[in-house]
Amino acid sequence: MTDRLVQFLAAMSGRERLLVALLLIIAIPAGLVQGVAMPLLARQDAARLAVAEAEAMQDWLRARQAELAMLPAINNAGPAQEQTPPAGLSALETGLVSAGLREPLVTLTNPSGGSVSLRFQAAPFTRLMPWLEEVEQRMGYRLTMLRLSQTDAPDQVDAEIQLEPRQ
């Protein structure tokens, strides 16, 4: 193989050999920069952006926690609330339909006969929170677990919810 390369270069003029050498001297580093360094820099920039977004989200959450801490405590000892027996799955589903949350509902299960698990995907946050308040106030359930995760769309969240009958 090297014999063929030597013969190929020997057949070239001095100017052609110089141009091939310059091409190799420029092309190999340029290829390394374009193929290795640039993708690494792009990944590093993406990682920095993700860290900045996470830090901004943490700052926002801390600010919301501070706001919540400044709010007066809710006194549930006010007017006596009558104990509402827990609504069934059909009543929960009817409430979901009226709140416009049936489409984003992925699962609605009643594994233990008492507790209810719901999972939403891309649910409107501004509809989900009032519906949860209604469930707690009027349907006889209390919220035991709420896990929200942000989606790319504004006012859309993925949510996992666990409800248990109020005792």
N, C-alpha and C. Protein backbone atom coordinates (compact mmCIF):
# COMPACT_ATOMS: atom_id res chain seq x y z
N MET A 1 0.83 -1.19 0.00
CA MET A 1 0.00 0.00 0.00
C MET A 1 0.87 1.26 0.00
N THR A 2 1.93 1.25 0.80
CA THR A 2 2.80 2.44 0.83
C THR A 2 3.55 2.59 -0.49
N ASP A 3 3.84 1.46 -1.15
CA ASP A 3 4.51 1.56 -2.45
C ASP A 3 3.63 2.30 -3.45
N ARG A 4 2.33 1.99 -3.41
CA ARG A 4 1.41 2.65 -4.34
C ARG A 4 1.31 4.15 -4.02
N LEU A 5 1.32 4.49 -2.73
CA LEU A 5 1.26 5.88 -2.34
C LEU A 5 2.53 6.62 -2.77
N VAL A 6 3.67 5.99 -2.59
CA VAL A 6 4.94 6.60 -3.00
C VAL A 6 4.96 6.79 -4.51
N GLN A 7 4.51 5.78 -5.28
CA GLN A 7 4.45 5.90 -6.73
C GLN A 7 3.50 7.02 -7.15
N PHE A 8 2.36 7.13 -6.45
CA PHE A 8 1.37 8.16 -6.77
C PHE A 8 1.97 9.55 -6.53
N LEU A 9 2.67 9.71 -5.40
CA LEU A 9 3.28 11.00 -5.09
C LEU A 9 4.47 11.30 -6.02
N ALA A 10 5.20 10.27 -6.40
CA ALA A 10 6.36 10.47 -7.29
C ALA A 10 5.89 10.92 -8.67
N ALA A 11 4.70 10.50 -9.07
CA ALA A 11 4.19 10.87 -10.39
C ALA A 11 3.71 12.32 -10.41
N MET A 12 3.58 12.92 -9.26
CA MET A 12 3.09 14.30 -9.19
C MET A 12 4.24 15.28 -9.32
N SER A 13 3.87 16.47 -9.75
CA SER A 13 4.87 17.54 -9.81
C SER A 13 5.08 18.10 -8.40
N GLY A 14 6.08 18.93 -8.23
CA GLY A 14 6.38 19.52 -6.92
C GLY A 14 5.22 20.37 -6.42
N ARG A 15 4.63 21.10 -7.33
CA ARG A 15 3.50 21.95 -6.97
C ARG A 15 2.31 21.10 -6.51
N GLU A 16 2.03 20.00 -7.19
CA GLU A 16 0.91 19.13 -6.82
C GLU A 16 1.15 18.51 -5.45
N ARG A 17 2.42 18.06 -5.19
CA ARG A 17 2.74 17.49 -3.88
C ARG A 17 2.56 18.52 -2.77
N LEU A 18 2.95 19.76 -3.05
CA LEU A 18 2.78 20.83 -2.07
C LEU A 18 1.29 21.08 -1.78
N LEU A 19 0.48 21.09 -2.81
CA LEU A 19 -0.96 21.29 -2.63
C LEU A 19 -1.60 20.13 -1.86
N VAL A 20 -1.18 18.90 -2.14
CA VAL A 20 -1.70 17.74 -1.40
C VAL A 20 -1.28 17.84 0.07
N ALA A 21 -0.05 18.24 0.33
CA ALA A 21 0.42 18.38 1.72
C ALA A 21 -0.37 19.46 2.45
N LEU A 22 -0.59 20.62 1.79
CA LEU A 22 -1.39 21.68 2.40
C LEU A 22 -2.82 21.22 2.66
N LEU A 23 -3.36 20.48 1.72
CA LEU A 23 -4.72 19.97 1.89
C LEU A 23 -4.80 19.06 3.11
N LEU A 24 -3.83 18.19 3.29
CA LEU A 24 -3.83 17.30 4.44
C LEU A 24 -3.60 18.06 5.74
N ILE A 25 -2.71 19.05 5.69
CA ILE A 25 -2.42 19.83 6.89
C ILE A 25 -3.65 20.62 7.33
N ILE A 26 -4.44 21.07 6.38
CA ILE A 26 -5.64 21.86 6.71
C ILE A 26 -6.85 20.95 6.94
N ALA A 27 -7.00 19.91 6.14
CA ALA A 27 -8.21 19.08 6.20
C ALA A 27 -8.27 18.23 7.46
N ILE A 28 -7.18 17.67 7.91
CA ILE A 28 -7.21 16.81 9.09
C ILE A 28 -7.58 17.60 10.35
N PRO A 29 -6.94 18.73 10.64
CA PRO A 29 -7.37 19.49 11.83
C PRO A 29 -8.80 20.03 11.69
N ALA A 30 -9.15 20.47 10.49
CA ALA A 30 -10.51 20.97 10.30
C ALA A 30 -11.53 19.86 10.52
N GLY A 31 -11.21 18.67 10.06
CA GLY A 31 -12.11 17.53 10.27
C GLY A 31 -12.23 17.19 11.74
N LEU A 32 -11.12 17.24 12.46
CA LEU A 32 -11.16 16.97 13.90
C LEU A 32 -11.98 18.03 14.64
N VAL A 33 -11.77 19.28 14.27
CA VAL A 33 -12.53 20.35 14.91
C VAL A 33 -14.02 20.18 14.62
N GLN A 34 -14.35 19.96 13.36
CA GLN A 34 -15.75 19.85 12.96
C GLN A 34 -16.38 18.56 13.49
N GLY A 35 -15.64 17.48 13.53
CA GLY A 35 -16.22 16.20 13.92
C GLY A 35 -16.18 15.90 15.41
N VAL A 36 -15.25 16.52 16.13
CA VAL A 36 -15.10 16.19 17.55
C VAL A 36 -15.35 17.42 18.43
N ALA A 37 -14.62 18.48 18.19
CA ALA A 37 -14.68 19.63 19.09
C ALA A 37 -16.02 20.35 19.03
N MET A 38 -16.55 20.58 17.86
CA MET A 38 -17.82 21.31 17.75
C MET A 38 -18.98 20.57 18.42
N PRO A 39 -19.14 19.25 18.20
CA PRO A 39 -20.22 18.56 18.93
C PRO A 39 -20.04 18.59 20.45
N LEU A 40 -18.80 18.50 20.91
CA LEU A 40 -18.56 18.58 22.35
C LEU A 40 -18.93 19.96 22.89
N LEU A 41 -18.60 20.99 22.17
CA LEU A 41 -18.96 22.35 22.60
C LEU A 41 -20.47 22.54 22.60
N ALA A 42 -21.14 21.98 21.60
CA ALA A 42 -22.60 22.10 21.54
C ALA A 42 -23.24 21.37 22.72
N ARG A 43 -22.73 20.19 23.06
CA ARG A 43 -23.27 19.46 24.21
C ARG A 43 -23.00 20.21 25.51
N GLN A 44 -21.84 20.83 25.61
CA GLN A 44 -21.51 21.59 26.81
C GLN A 44 -22.45 22.80 26.94
N ASP A 45 -22.73 23.48 25.85
CA ASP A 45 -23.66 24.61 25.88
C ASP A 45 -25.06 24.15 26.27
N ALA A 46 -25.49 23.02 25.73
CA ALA A 46 -26.82 22.49 26.07
C ALA A 46 -26.89 22.12 27.55
N ALA A 47 -25.82 21.56 28.08
CA ALA A 47 -25.79 21.21 29.50
C ALA A 47 -25.82 22.46 30.37
N ARG A 48 -25.10 23.49 29.98
CA ARG A 48 -25.12 24.75 30.74
C ARG A 48 -26.51 25.36 30.73
N LEU A 49 -27.18 25.31 29.58
CA LEU A 49 -28.53 25.84 29.47
C LEU A 49 -29.50 25.06 30.35
N ALA A 50 -29.37 23.74 30.36
CA ALA A 50 -30.23 22.91 31.20
C ALA A 50 -30.01 23.21 32.68
N VAL A 51 -28.77 23.40 33.08
CA VAL A 51 -28.48 23.75 34.47
C VAL A 51 -29.08 25.11 34.82
N ALA A 52 -28.94 26.07 33.92
CA ALA A 52 -29.49 27.41 34.16
C ALA A 52 -31.01 27.35 34.29
N GLU A 53 -31.66 26.55 33.44
CA GLU A 53 -33.12 26.41 33.53
C GLU A 53 -33.52 25.75 34.84
N ALA A 54 -32.79 24.74 35.26
CA ALA A 54 -33.10 24.07 36.53
C ALA A 54 -32.92 25.02 37.71
N GLU A 55 -31.86 25.81 37.67
CA GLU A 55 -31.64 26.77 38.75
C GLU A 55 -32.73 27.84 38.76
N ALA A 56 -33.16 28.28 37.59
CA ALA A 56 -34.24 29.27 37.52
C ALA A 56 -35.53 28.68 38.08
N MET A 57 -35.80 27.41 37.77
CA MET A 57 -36.99 26.75 38.30
C MET A 57 -36.91 26.63 39.81
N GLN A 58 -35.75 26.29 40.35
CA GLN A 58 -35.58 26.20 41.80
C GLN A 58 -35.79 27.56 42.45
N ASP A 59 -35.26 28.61 41.85
CA ASP A 59 -35.46 29.96 42.39
C ASP A 59 -36.94 30.32 42.39
N TRP A 60 -37.63 29.99 41.30
CA TRP A 60 -39.06 30.28 41.21
C TRP A 60 -39.82 29.51 42.29
N LEU A 61 -39.49 28.24 42.47
CA LEU A 61 -40.16 27.44 43.49
C LEU A 61 -39.89 27.97 44.89
N ARG A 62 -38.65 28.39 45.15
CA ARG A 62 -38.34 28.98 46.46
C ARG A 62 -39.16 30.25 46.70
N ALA A 63 -39.31 31.04 45.65
CA ALA A 63 -40.11 32.27 45.78
C ALA A 63 -41.57 31.93 46.07
N ARG A 64 -42.10 30.90 45.42
CA ARG A 64 -43.49 30.48 45.67
C ARG A 64 -43.63 29.94 47.09
N GLN A 65 -42.62 29.19 47.57
CA GLN A 65 -42.66 28.68 48.94
C GLN A 65 -42.64 29.82 49.94
N ALA A 66 -41.85 30.84 49.65
CA ALA A 66 -41.80 32.00 50.55
C ALA A 66 -43.15 32.71 50.57
N GLU A 67 -43.78 32.82 49.39
CA GLU A 67 -45.11 33.43 49.33
C GLU A 67 -46.12 32.62 50.13
N LEU A 68 -46.06 31.30 49.99
CA LEU A 68 -46.99 30.45 50.73
C LEU A 68 -46.76 30.54 52.23
N ALA A 69 -45.52 30.66 52.63
CA ALA A 69 -45.22 30.76 54.06
C ALA A 69 -45.77 32.05 54.65
N MET A 70 -45.89 33.09 53.84
CA MET A 70 -46.40 34.36 54.33
C MET A 70 -47.92 34.41 54.39
N LEU A 71 -48.59 33.47 53.72
CA LEU A 71 -50.06 33.45 53.75
C LEU A 71 -50.55 33.00 55.11
N PRO A 72 -51.70 33.52 55.54
CA PRO A 72 -52.24 33.07 56.83
C PRO A 72 -52.69 31.61 56.72
N ALA A 73 -52.59 30.90 57.84
CA ALA A 73 -52.99 29.50 57.86
C ALA A 73 -54.50 29.41 57.69
N ILE A 74 -54.93 28.40 56.98
CA ILE A 74 -56.36 28.18 56.78
C ILE A 74 -56.92 27.52 58.03
N ASN A 75 -57.95 28.08 58.53
CA ASN A 75 -58.58 27.55 59.74
C ASN A 75 -59.76 26.68 59.32
N ASN A 76 -59.60 25.38 59.43
CA ASN A 76 -60.68 24.47 59.05
C ASN A 76 -61.72 24.32 60.14
N ALA A 77 -61.52 25.02 61.27
CA ALA A 77 -62.47 24.91 62.37
C ALA A 77 -63.65 25.85 62.17
N GLY A 78 -63.74 26.50 61.02
CA GLY A 78 -64.81 27.42 60.71
C GLY A 78 -66.16 26.71 60.68
N PRO A 79 -66.98 27.02 59.72
CA PRO A 79 -68.28 26.37 59.65
C PRO A 79 -68.11 24.86 59.53
N ALA A 80 -68.92 24.16 60.27
CA ALA A 80 -68.81 22.70 60.28
C ALA A 80 -69.10 22.14 58.90
N GLN A 81 -68.17 21.35 58.41
CA GLN A 81 -68.37 20.73 57.11
C GLN A 81 -68.98 19.37 57.33
N GLU A 82 -70.01 19.13 56.59
CA GLU A 82 -70.63 17.82 56.71
C GLU A 82 -69.76 16.80 55.99
N GLN A 83 -69.69 15.62 56.55
CA GLN A 83 -68.90 14.57 55.95
C GLN A 83 -69.62 14.04 54.73
N THR A 84 -69.01 14.24 53.58
CA THR A 84 -69.57 13.74 52.34
C THR A 84 -69.01 12.35 52.10
N PRO A 85 -69.87 11.39 51.85
CA PRO A 85 -69.32 10.07 51.53
C PRO A 85 -68.55 10.16 50.21
N PRO A 86 -67.48 9.38 50.09
CA PRO A 86 -66.67 9.46 48.88
C PRO A 86 -67.50 9.16 47.63
N ALA A 87 -67.30 9.97 46.63
CA ALA A 87 -67.98 9.75 45.36
C ALA A 87 -67.34 8.56 44.67
N GLY A 88 -68.07 7.93 43.81
CA GLY A 88 -67.54 6.79 43.08
C GLY A 88 -66.71 7.25 41.88
N LEU A 89 -66.17 6.27 41.15
CA LEU A 89 -65.36 6.58 39.98
C LEU A 89 -66.17 7.29 38.91
N SER A 90 -67.45 6.94 38.79
CA SER A 90 -68.26 7.59 37.76
C SER A 90 -68.47 9.07 38.08
N ALA A 91 -68.63 9.40 39.37
CA ALA A 91 -68.78 10.80 39.75
C ALA A 91 -67.48 11.56 39.50
N LEU A 92 -66.34 10.92 39.79
CA LEU A 92 -65.07 11.57 39.50
C LEU A 92 -64.91 11.80 38.01
N GLU A 93 -65.28 10.81 37.22
CA GLU A 93 -65.16 10.95 35.76
C GLU A 93 -66.10 12.02 35.23
N THR A 94 -67.29 12.12 35.79
CA THR A 94 -68.22 13.17 35.39
C THR A 94 -67.63 14.54 35.72
N GLY A 95 -67.00 14.67 36.89
CA GLY A 95 -66.33 15.92 37.25
C GLY A 95 -65.18 16.24 36.31
N LEU A 96 -64.46 15.21 35.89
CA LEU A 96 -63.37 15.42 34.94
C LEU A 96 -63.89 15.93 33.60
N VAL A 97 -64.99 15.35 33.15
CA VAL A 97 -65.57 15.77 31.87
C VAL A 97 -66.04 17.22 31.97
N SER A 98 -66.72 17.58 33.06
CA SER A 98 -67.21 18.94 33.20
C SER A 98 -66.07 19.95 33.36
N ALA A 99 -64.94 19.52 33.89
CA ALA A 99 -63.79 20.42 34.02
C ALA A 99 -62.93 20.44 32.76
N GLY A 100 -63.27 19.63 31.77
CA GLY A 100 -62.48 19.58 30.54
C GLY A 100 -61.17 18.83 30.70
N LEU A 101 -61.16 17.85 31.62
CA LEU A 101 -59.93 17.11 31.89
C LEU A 101 -60.00 15.64 31.48
N ARG A 102 -61.04 15.25 30.77
CA ARG A 102 -61.17 13.85 30.39
C ARG A 102 -60.14 13.46 29.32
N GLU A 103 -59.88 14.35 28.38
CA GLU A 103 -58.93 14.04 27.30
C GLU A 103 -57.51 13.79 27.83
N PRO A 104 -56.98 14.64 28.72
CA PRO A 104 -55.61 14.39 29.18
C PRO A 104 -55.49 13.27 30.22
N LEU A 105 -56.62 12.72 30.68
CA LEU A 105 -56.57 11.63 31.66
C LEU A 105 -56.06 10.37 30.97
N VAL A 106 -54.98 9.81 31.52
CA VAL A 106 -54.38 8.61 30.95
C VAL A 106 -54.89 7.38 31.69
N THR A 107 -54.87 7.43 33.03
CA THR A 107 -55.36 6.30 33.82
C THR A 107 -56.20 6.81 34.98
N LEU A 108 -57.21 6.02 35.30
CA LEU A 108 -58.07 6.24 36.46
C LEU A 108 -58.29 4.87 37.07
N THR A 109 -57.66 4.61 38.22
CA THR A 109 -57.75 3.29 38.82
C THR A 109 -58.18 3.39 40.27
N ASN A 110 -58.74 2.30 40.74
CA ASN A 110 -59.21 2.19 42.11
C ASN A 110 -58.63 0.89 42.66
N PRO A 111 -57.29 0.84 42.89
CA PRO A 111 -56.65 -0.44 43.19
C PRO A 111 -57.07 -1.07 44.51
N SER A 112 -57.26 -0.28 45.55
CA SER A 112 -57.54 -0.87 46.86
C SER A 112 -59.02 -0.79 47.22
N GLY A 113 -59.83 -0.33 46.31
CA GLY A 113 -61.25 -0.21 46.60
C GLY A 113 -61.60 1.11 47.24
N GLY A 114 -60.66 1.78 47.88
CA GLY A 114 -60.94 3.06 48.52
C GLY A 114 -60.18 4.19 47.86
N SER A 115 -58.88 3.99 47.72
CA SER A 115 -58.07 5.05 47.12
C SER A 115 -58.25 5.05 45.60
N VAL A 116 -58.01 6.22 45.01
CA VAL A 116 -58.14 6.39 43.57
C VAL A 116 -56.84 6.99 43.06
N SER A 117 -56.31 6.40 42.00
CA SER A 117 -55.09 6.91 41.37
C SER A 117 -55.44 7.45 40.00
N LEU A 118 -54.93 8.64 39.70
CA LEU A 118 -55.15 9.26 38.41
C LEU A 118 -53.82 9.68 37.83
N ARG A 119 -53.70 9.59 36.53
CA ARG A 119 -52.49 10.06 35.86
C ARG A 119 -52.92 10.86 34.64
N PHE A 120 -52.41 12.08 34.54
CA PHE A 120 -52.73 12.97 33.44
C PHE A 120 -51.49 13.22 32.61
N GLN A 121 -51.70 13.45 31.32
CA GLN A 121 -50.60 13.81 30.45
C GLN A 121 -51.01 15.06 29.68
N ALA A 122 -50.23 16.10 29.79
CA ALA A 122 -50.47 17.40 29.15
C ALA A 122 -51.83 17.95 29.56
N ALA A 123 -52.08 17.99 30.85
CA ALA A 123 -53.33 18.53 31.38
C ALA A 123 -53.18 20.03 31.62
N PRO A 124 -54.23 20.81 31.34
CA PRO A 124 -54.16 22.25 31.62
C PRO A 124 -54.10 22.49 33.13
N PHE A 125 -53.04 23.12 33.59
CA PHE A 125 -52.83 23.37 35.01
C PHE A 125 -53.96 24.21 35.59
N THR A 126 -54.43 25.19 34.82
CA THR A 126 -55.47 26.09 35.32
C THR A 126 -56.83 25.41 35.42
N ARG A 127 -56.99 24.24 34.86
CA ARG A 127 -58.23 23.47 35.04
C ARG A 127 -58.04 22.38 36.09
N LEU A 128 -56.82 21.85 36.19
CA LEU A 128 -56.55 20.75 37.11
C LEU A 128 -56.66 21.18 38.57
N MET A 129 -56.09 22.32 38.91
CA MET A 129 -56.08 22.75 40.31
C MET A 129 -57.49 23.05 40.84
N PRO A 130 -58.35 23.77 40.10
CA PRO A 130 -59.71 23.96 40.60
C PRO A 130 -60.48 22.64 40.73
N TRP A 131 -60.23 21.71 39.81
CA TRP A 131 -60.90 20.42 39.90
C TRP A 131 -60.47 19.68 41.16
N LEU A 132 -59.16 19.72 41.48
CA LEU A 132 -58.68 19.08 42.70
C LEU A 132 -59.30 19.70 43.95
N GLU A 133 -59.46 21.00 43.94
CA GLU A 133 -60.10 21.67 45.08
C GLU A 133 -61.54 21.20 45.23
N GLU A 134 -62.22 21.06 44.11
CA GLU A 134 -63.61 20.58 44.15
C GLU A 134 -63.68 19.15 44.66
N VAL A 135 -62.73 18.32 44.26
CA VAL A 135 -62.71 16.93 44.71
C VAL A 135 -62.57 16.89 46.23
N GLU A 136 -61.69 17.72 46.76
CA GLU A 136 -61.49 17.72 48.21
C GLU A 136 -62.68 18.30 48.95
N GLN A 137 -63.31 19.32 48.40
CA GLN A 137 -64.39 20.00 49.13
C GLN A 137 -65.74 19.31 48.97
N ARG A 138 -66.01 18.76 47.79
CA ARG A 138 -67.38 18.30 47.53
C ARG A 138 -67.52 16.81 47.25
N MET A 139 -66.43 16.12 47.00
CA MET A 139 -66.57 14.72 46.60
C MET A 139 -66.14 13.73 47.67
N GLY A 140 -65.70 14.21 48.82
CA GLY A 140 -65.39 13.30 49.92
C GLY A 140 -64.03 12.64 49.85
N TYR A 141 -63.12 13.21 49.10
CA TYR A 141 -61.77 12.66 49.00
C TYR A 141 -60.78 13.68 49.54
N ARG A 142 -59.62 13.18 49.96
CA ARG A 142 -58.53 14.08 50.31
C ARG A 142 -57.33 13.69 49.46
N LEU A 143 -56.56 14.67 49.13
CA LEU A 143 -55.39 14.49 48.28
C LEU A 143 -54.24 13.96 49.13
N THR A 144 -53.72 12.79 48.77
CA THR A 144 -52.60 12.23 49.53
C THR A 144 -51.29 12.29 48.77
N MET A 145 -51.35 12.43 47.45
CA MET A 145 -50.12 12.52 46.68
C MET A 145 -50.40 13.32 45.41
N LEU A 146 -49.53 14.26 45.13
CA LEU A 146 -49.63 15.06 43.91
C LEU A 146 -48.22 15.24 43.38
N ARG A 147 -47.99 14.77 42.18
CA ARG A 147 -46.69 14.92 41.53
C ARG A 147 -46.92 15.60 40.19
N LEU A 148 -46.37 16.78 40.03
CA LEU A 148 -46.52 17.55 38.80
C LEU A 148 -45.17 17.64 38.10
N SER A 149 -45.19 17.54 36.79
CA SER A 149 -43.97 17.77 36.02
C SER A 149 -44.31 18.67 34.84
N GLN A 150 -43.42 19.57 34.58
CA GLN A 150 -43.61 20.58 33.54
C GLN A 150 -43.49 19.95 32.17
N THR A 151 -44.29 20.43 31.23
CA THR A 151 -44.17 20.00 29.84
C THR A 151 -43.64 21.18 29.03
N ASP A 152 -43.42 20.96 27.75
CA ASP A 152 -42.90 22.02 26.90
C ASP A 152 -43.95 23.09 26.62
N ALA A 153 -45.22 22.71 26.61
CA ALA A 153 -46.29 23.66 26.31
C ALA A 153 -46.63 24.48 27.56
N PRO A 154 -46.98 25.75 27.38
CA PRO A 154 -47.38 26.56 28.54
C PRO A 154 -48.72 26.08 29.10
N ASP A 155 -48.90 26.18 30.41
CA ASP A 155 -50.12 25.79 31.11
C ASP A 155 -50.42 24.30 30.98
N GLN A 156 -49.45 23.50 30.65
CA GLN A 156 -49.64 22.05 30.53
C GLN A 156 -48.70 21.35 31.51
N VAL A 157 -49.25 20.38 32.25
CA VAL A 157 -48.44 19.60 33.18
C VAL A 157 -48.79 18.13 33.04
N ASP A 158 -47.85 17.30 33.37
CA ASP A 158 -48.11 15.88 33.56
C ASP A 158 -48.31 15.70 35.06
N ALA A 159 -49.33 14.95 35.46
CA ALA A 159 -49.65 14.86 36.88
C ALA A 159 -49.96 13.43 37.27
N GLU A 160 -49.51 13.08 38.47
CA GLU A 160 -49.90 11.83 39.12
C GLU A 160 -50.58 12.22 40.42
N ILE A 161 -51.78 11.69 40.63
CA ILE A 161 -52.59 12.09 41.78
C ILE A 161 -53.08 10.84 42.50
N GLN A 162 -53.04 10.89 43.82
CA GLN A 162 -53.58 9.81 44.66
C GLN A 162 -54.62 10.44 45.58
N LEU A 163 -55.83 9.92 45.55
CA LEU A 163 -56.91 10.39 46.41
C LEU A 163 -57.33 9.27 47.33
N GLU A 164 -57.67 9.63 48.56
CA GLU A 164 -58.20 8.63 49.50
C GLU A 164 -59.49 9.18 50.11
N PRO A 165 -60.41 8.30 50.48
CA PRO A 165 -61.65 8.76 51.09
C PRO A 165 -61.36 9.50 52.39
N ARG A 166 -62.09 10.57 52.60
CA ARG A 166 -61.94 11.33 53.84
C ARG A 166 -62.60 10.54 54.95
N GLN A 167 -61.93 10.44 56.07
CA GLN A 167 -62.47 9.64 57.20
C GLN A 167 -63.11 10.54 58.21
